[in-house]
């Protein structure tokens, strides 16, 4: 029973960190996606991969 709890906890932590890193790389809200990874576990990872890269505005002043 303790091993199962440890495995589930590890899976939640890995999912949260993975979602956080994906969102950060794509310019999205990493904390939000980290929480989603913690709440939904590995189910959140495919949705994080579906995020589009955020376009950055060119703020060039002349």
C-alpha atoms as a PDB file:
ATOM      1  CA  UNK A   1       0.000   0.000   0.000  1.00  0.00           C
ATOM      2  CA  UNK A   2       2.831   2.392   0.835  1.00  0.00           C
ATOM      3  CA  UNK A   3       4.566   1.600  -2.448  1.00  0.00           C
ATOM      4  CA  UNK A   4       1.404   2.454  -4.397  1.00  0.00           C
ATOM      5  CA  UNK A   5       1.076   5.788  -2.599  1.00  0.00           C
ATOM      6  CA  UNK A   6       4.724   6.563  -3.296  1.00  0.00           C
ATOM      7  CA  UNK A   7       4.321   5.655  -6.964  1.00  0.00           C
ATOM      8  CA  UNK A   8       1.222   7.856  -7.340  1.00  0.00           C
ATOM      9  CA  UNK A   9       2.936  10.764  -5.609  1.00  0.00           C
ATOM     10  CA  UNK A  10       5.960  10.427  -7.869  1.00  0.00           C
ATOM     11  CA  UNK A  11       3.714  10.301 -10.947  1.00  0.00           C
ATOM     12  CA  UNK A  12       1.916  13.501  -9.901  1.00  0.00           C
ATOM     13  CA  UNK A  13       5.202  15.327  -9.275  1.00  0.00           C
ATOM     14  CA  UNK A  14       6.672  14.230 -12.611  1.00  0.00           C
ATOM     15  CA  UNK A  15       3.476  15.264 -14.423  1.00  0.00           C
ATOM     16  CA  UNK A  16       3.469  18.692 -12.767  1.00  0.00           C
ATOM     17  CA  UNK A  17       7.121  19.345 -13.608  1.00  0.00           C
ATOM     18  CA  UNK A  18       6.643  18.121 -17.192  1.00  0.00           C
ATOM     19  CA  UNK A  19       3.622  20.368 -17.777  1.00  0.00           C
ATOM     20  CA  UNK A  20       5.471  23.295 -16.205  1.00  0.00           C
ATOM     21  CA  UNK A  21       8.476  22.831 -18.498  1.00  0.00           C
ATOM     22  CA  UNK A  22       6.360  22.423 -21.645  1.00  0.00           C
ATOM     23  CA  UNK A  23       4.359  25.573 -20.891  1.00  0.00           C
ATOM     24  CA  UNK A  24       7.504  27.557 -20.079  1.00  0.00           C
ATOM     25  CA  UNK A  25       9.135  26.485 -23.337  1.00  0.00           C
ATOM     26  CA  UNK A  26       6.063  27.512 -25.325  1.00  0.00           C
ATOM     27  CA  UNK A  27       5.689  30.906 -23.645  1.00  0.00           C
ATOM     28  CA  UNK A  28       2.527  30.040 -21.730  1.00  0.00           C
ATOM     29  CA  UNK A  29       1.667  30.241 -18.028  1.00  0.00           C
ATOM     30  CA  UNK A  30       3.943  27.618 -16.464  1.00  0.00           C
ATOM     31  CA  UNK A  31       2.534  27.820 -12.923  1.00  0.00           C
ATOM     32  CA  UNK A  32      -1.005  27.251 -14.184  1.00  0.00           C
ATOM     33  CA  UNK A  33       0.096  24.251 -16.219  1.00  0.00           C
ATOM     34  CA  UNK A  34       2.152  22.906 -13.333  1.00  0.00           C
ATOM     35  CA  UNK A  35      -0.961  22.969 -11.164  1.00  0.00           C
ATOM     36  CA  UNK A  36      -2.963  21.292 -13.935  1.00  0.00           C
ATOM     37  CA  UNK A  37      -0.305  18.584 -14.092  1.00  0.00           C
ATOM     38  CA  UNK A  38      -0.548  18.099 -10.331  1.00  0.00           C
ATOM     39  CA  UNK A  39      -4.350  17.947 -10.365  1.00  0.00           C
ATOM     40  CA  UNK A  40      -4.866  15.764 -13.417  1.00  0.00           C
ATOM     41  CA  UNK A  41      -1.603  13.852 -13.455  1.00  0.00           C
ATOM     42  CA  UNK A  42      -0.434  12.374 -16.743  1.00  0.00           C
ATOM     43  CA  UNK A  43      -3.752  13.268 -18.397  1.00  0.00           C
ATOM     44  CA  UNK A  44      -2.657  16.934 -18.522  1.00  0.00           C
ATOM     45  CA  UNK A  45       0.560  16.282 -20.445  1.00  0.00           C
ATOM     46  CA  UNK A  46      -1.047  15.784 -23.902  1.00  0.00           C
ATOM     47  CA  UNK A  47      -3.014  19.000 -23.438  1.00  0.00           C
ATOM     48  CA  UNK A  48       0.169  20.855 -22.559  1.00  0.00           C
ATOM     49  CA  UNK A  49       1.739  19.543 -25.765  1.00  0.00           C
ATOM     50  CA  UNK A  50      -1.221  20.918 -27.733  1.00  0.00           C
ATOM     51  CA  UNK A  51      -0.388  24.466 -26.636  1.00  0.00           C
ATOM     52  CA  UNK A  52       0.727  26.669 -29.477  1.00  0.00           C
ATOM     53  CA  UNK A  53       3.858  28.730 -29.125  1.00  0.00           C
ATOM     54  CA  UNK A  54       2.964  32.221 -27.996  1.00  0.00           C
ATOM     55  CA  UNK A  55       3.916  34.803 -30.561  1.00  0.00           C
ATOM     56  CA  UNK A  56       6.018  37.626 -29.272  1.00  0.00           C
ATOM     57  CA  UNK A  57       5.310  41.167 -30.325  1.00  0.00           C
ATOM     58  CA  UNK A  58       8.102  43.127 -31.921  1.00  0.00           C
ATOM     59  CA  UNK A  59       8.513  46.267 -29.839  1.00  0.00           C
ATOM     60  CA  UNK A  60      11.004  48.076 -32.002  1.00  0.00           C
ATOM     61  CA  UNK A  61      11.039  51.807 -31.503  1.00  0.00           C
ATOM     62  CA  UNK A  62      12.811  54.071 -33.926  1.00  0.00           C
END
